[in-house]
Amino acid sequence: MLTNSPPVLTNPSLNFLETVKQATPGDSRLTMCIQCGTCGGSCPSGQDMDHTPRQLFAMIRADMREEVLRSNTPWYCVSCYFCMVRCPQEVHITDIMYTLKSMAIAADVYETNSAADLSQNFVGYVENYGRSFEFGLATRQYLRHQPLSLMRRASMGLGMLSKKRIDLTPSRIENLGQLQAILARAKELEAPT
């Protein structure tokens, strides 16, 4: 059973679907999911997820709390919002993924693994540069978790470099301080009281 969680995350009077809906800011539209699979087909990280978002939402409805919170799916979400843009029901998929990450952390059921590292490194680049740094993110991820497969990916990286689709060094956005102030305020609002 999940322990050490804020009351909304473990309220026994709520099923898991209602718990996730209440813990997600705004209207998640989670109950509007029609199981079409567009989200999984749109996801650039979908191949690494143990469950597609559609499958995860079905598991939430089936009250499979433990399995959902142990899933790597939320950790592989790179917050590109492509799934949300393509969702015919306008389900706030990315927001739900953030909720599930928070719930897994609060319940202390996530494992420190490559998915969590990917998420933390992505956030780190956004906080420091205002955007992702794909070359650094991929290189760090493969060196740390799959060093032998890095060589197999090298040709793809060289192709992206030759087409100027990836940079060797990170670049900062203009007015990075403004973004950092927004992120700091969001962390303040998110902190438990």
Protein backbone atom coordinates (compact mmCIF):
# COMPACT_ATOMS: atom_id res chain seq x y z
CA MET A 1 0.00 0.00 0.00
CA LEU A 2 1.18 3.53 -0.69
CA THR A 3 2.43 5.47 2.31
CA ASN A 4 3.84 8.89 3.18
CA SER A 5 1.53 10.59 0.67
CA PRO A 6 -0.48 13.78 0.99
CA PRO A 7 -4.14 13.05 1.84
CA VAL A 8 -5.46 13.68 -1.69
CA LEU A 9 -3.10 11.04 -3.04
CA THR A 10 -4.21 8.26 -0.70
CA ASN A 11 -7.77 9.19 0.19
CA PRO A 12 -9.44 5.78 0.62
CA SER A 13 -12.88 7.24 -0.15
CA LEU A 14 -11.78 8.10 -3.69
CA ASN A 15 -11.04 5.64 -6.45
CA PHE A 16 -7.79 6.17 -8.29
CA LEU A 17 -9.46 7.95 -11.22
CA GLU A 18 -10.97 10.57 -8.91
CA THR A 19 -7.67 10.90 -7.04
CA VAL A 20 -5.76 11.62 -10.25
CA LYS A 21 -8.43 14.06 -11.45
CA GLN A 22 -8.35 15.98 -8.14
CA ALA A 23 -4.54 16.06 -8.03
CA THR A 24 -4.23 17.40 -11.60
CA PRO A 25 -4.50 21.21 -11.84
CA GLY A 26 -7.42 22.49 -13.87
CA ASP A 27 -9.71 20.17 -15.78
CA SER A 28 -7.62 17.19 -16.89
CA ARG A 29 -10.46 15.88 -19.10
CA LEU A 30 -9.19 12.41 -18.19
CA THR A 31 -12.69 10.91 -18.30
CA MET A 32 -13.04 12.15 -21.89
CA CYS A 33 -10.37 9.70 -23.17
CA ILE A 34 -11.92 7.52 -25.88
CA GLN A 35 -8.95 5.12 -26.06
CA CYS A 36 -8.14 6.05 -29.67
CA GLY A 37 -4.37 5.69 -29.24
CA THR A 38 -3.47 8.98 -30.93
CA CYS A 39 -1.40 9.97 -27.90
CA GLY A 40 0.86 6.92 -28.07
CA GLY A 41 1.20 7.19 -31.83
CA SER A 42 2.22 10.84 -31.47
CA CYS A 43 4.75 10.38 -28.67
CA PRO A 44 8.45 10.65 -29.59
CA SER A 45 9.27 8.59 -26.46
CA GLY A 46 6.48 6.06 -26.92
CA GLN A 47 8.77 3.20 -27.90
CA ASP A 48 10.51 3.38 -24.51
CA MET A 49 7.32 3.46 -22.44
CA ASP A 50 6.11 0.28 -20.81
CA HIS A 51 2.50 1.47 -21.37
CA THR A 52 1.13 4.00 -23.83
CA PRO A 53 -0.72 6.95 -22.27
CA ARG A 54 -3.98 5.36 -23.49
CA GLN A 55 -3.13 2.13 -21.67
CA LEU A 56 -2.17 4.07 -18.56
CA PHE A 57 -5.51 5.89 -18.57
CA ALA A 58 -7.34 2.56 -18.85
CA MET A 59 -5.28 1.30 -15.89
CA ILE A 60 -6.22 4.41 -13.91
CA ARG A 61 -9.90 3.72 -14.61
CA ALA A 62 -9.35 0.10 -13.52
CA ASP A 63 -8.02 1.38 -10.18
CA MET A 64 -4.55 -0.10 -10.80
CA ARG A 65 -2.85 2.48 -8.59
CA GLU A 66 0.35 0.62 -7.81
CA GLU A 67 0.97 -0.50 -11.41
CA VAL A 68 0.37 3.00 -12.75
CA LEU A 69 2.68 4.68 -10.24
CA ARG A 70 5.43 2.13 -10.91
CA SER A 71 5.13 2.61 -14.68
CA ASN A 72 7.97 4.32 -16.53
CA THR A 73 5.52 6.09 -18.87
CA PRO A 74 5.28 9.43 -17.02
CA TRP A 75 9.07 9.55 -16.69
CA TYR A 76 9.55 9.25 -20.44
CA CYS A 77 7.18 12.12 -21.17
CA VAL A 78 9.35 14.93 -22.57
CA SER A 79 6.58 17.54 -22.31
CA CYS A 80 6.47 18.23 -26.03
CA TYR A 81 2.65 18.46 -25.85
CA PHE A 82 2.32 16.79 -29.26
CA CYS A 83 -0.10 14.26 -27.76
CA MET A 84 -2.28 17.05 -26.40
CA VAL A 85 -2.32 18.91 -29.69
CA ARG A 86 -3.44 15.77 -31.54
CA CYS A 87 -5.89 14.43 -28.92
CA PRO A 88 -9.43 14.60 -30.37
CA GLN A 89 -10.88 14.88 -26.86
CA GLU A 90 -8.39 17.54 -25.67
CA VAL A 91 -7.29 15.41 -22.71
CA HIS A 92 -4.51 17.21 -20.82
CA ILE A 93 -2.15 14.26 -21.15
CA THR A 94 1.07 16.05 -20.23
CA ASP A 95 -0.51 17.54 -17.10
CA ILE A 96 -1.67 14.08 -16.05
CA MET A 97 1.87 12.74 -16.56
CA TYR A 98 3.20 15.45 -14.24
CA THR A 99 0.56 14.47 -11.67
CA LEU A 100 1.54 10.81 -11.90
CA LYS A 101 5.22 11.66 -11.43
CA SER A 102 4.36 13.70 -8.34
CA MET A 103 2.20 10.91 -6.99
CA ALA A 104 4.93 8.31 -7.56
CA ILE A 105 7.47 10.51 -5.77
CA ALA A 106 5.09 11.22 -2.88
CA ALA A 107 4.31 7.52 -2.55
CA ASP A 108 8.02 6.65 -2.85
CA VAL A 109 7.28 3.93 -5.40
CA TYR A 110 9.34 5.13 -8.32
CA GLU A 111 12.75 3.71 -8.99
CA THR A 112 15.77 5.80 -9.77
CA ASN A 113 16.25 4.64 -13.31
CA SER A 114 16.98 5.89 -16.77
CA ALA A 115 13.51 7.40 -17.20
CA ALA A 116 13.78 9.45 -14.02
CA ASP A 117 17.29 10.54 -15.04
CA LEU A 118 16.02 11.59 -18.47
CA SER A 119 13.28 13.65 -16.86
CA GLN A 120 15.65 15.32 -14.40
CA ASN A 121 18.25 16.08 -17.09
CA PHE A 122 15.60 17.54 -19.39
CA VAL A 123 14.31 19.81 -16.62
CA GLY A 124 17.88 20.80 -15.78
CA TYR A 125 18.55 21.95 -19.33
CA VAL A 126 15.29 23.91 -19.44
CA GLU A 127 16.09 25.59 -16.11
CA ASN A 128 19.64 26.49 -17.18
CA TYR A 129 19.12 27.35 -20.84
CA GLY A 130 15.38 27.86 -21.28
CA ARG A 131 15.18 24.95 -23.72
CA SER A 132 16.25 21.37 -24.14
CA PHE A 133 19.72 20.53 -25.43
CA GLU A 134 19.07 17.35 -27.38
CA PHE A 135 22.70 16.43 -28.09
CA GLY A 136 23.68 16.74 -24.44
CA LEU A 137 20.51 15.02 -23.26
CA ALA A 138 20.92 12.03 -25.57
CA THR A 139 24.66 11.72 -25.00
CA ARG A 140 24.33 11.87 -21.23
CA GLN A 141 21.47 9.36 -21.26
CA TYR A 142 23.23 6.82 -23.46
CA LEU A 143 26.60 7.14 -21.74
CA ARG A 144 25.03 6.61 -18.35
CA HIS A 145 22.45 3.93 -19.12
CA GLN A 146 23.19 2.32 -22.50
CA PRO A 147 26.82 3.01 -23.39
CA LEU A 148 27.05 0.14 -25.88
CA SER A 149 24.11 1.40 -27.92
CA LEU A 150 25.62 4.88 -28.22
CA MET A 151 27.69 3.79 -31.21
CA ARG A 152 24.59 2.47 -32.99
CA ARG A 153 22.98 5.90 -32.58
CA ALA A 154 26.04 7.80 -33.81
CA SER A 155 25.02 7.66 -37.49
CA MET A 156 21.64 9.18 -36.69
CA GLY A 157 23.37 11.94 -34.70
CA LEU A 158 25.79 12.65 -37.53
CA GLY A 159 22.90 12.84 -39.98
CA MET A 160 21.10 15.33 -37.74
CA LEU A 161 24.29 17.39 -37.42
CA SER A 162 24.81 17.44 -41.18
CA LYS A 163 21.22 18.69 -41.69
CA LYS A 164 21.68 21.28 -38.91
CA ARG A 165 18.84 19.69 -36.90
CA ILE A 166 20.93 19.43 -33.74
CA ASP A 167 23.60 21.61 -32.13
CA LEU A 168 26.83 20.53 -30.44
CA THR A 169 26.52 23.21 -27.77
CA PRO A 170 23.51 24.46 -25.82
CA SER A 171 22.12 27.92 -26.42
CA ARG A 172 20.24 30.13 -23.98
CA ILE A 173 16.96 31.80 -24.73
CA GLU A 174 16.63 35.56 -24.45
CA ASN A 175 15.43 36.81 -21.07
CA LEU A 176 16.26 33.53 -19.35
CA GLY A 177 15.90 35.27 -15.99
CA GLN A 178 12.19 35.76 -16.63
CA LEU A 179 11.66 32.06 -17.26
CA GLN A 180 13.71 31.17 -14.19
CA ALA A 181 11.55 33.52 -12.09
CA ILE A 182 8.41 31.80 -13.40
CA LEU A 183 9.86 28.36 -12.65
CA ALA A 184 10.92 29.45 -9.16
CA ARG A 185 7.42 30.77 -8.45
CA ALA A 186 5.88 27.52 -9.74
CA LYS A 187 8.12 25.56 -7.35
CA GLU A 188 7.00 27.79 -4.48
CA LEU A 189 3.35 27.17 -5.32
CA GLU A 190 3.94 23.44 -5.67
CA ALA A 191 5.79 23.10 -2.34
CA PRO A 192 3.78 21.45 0.45
CA THR A 193 2.58 23.84 3.14
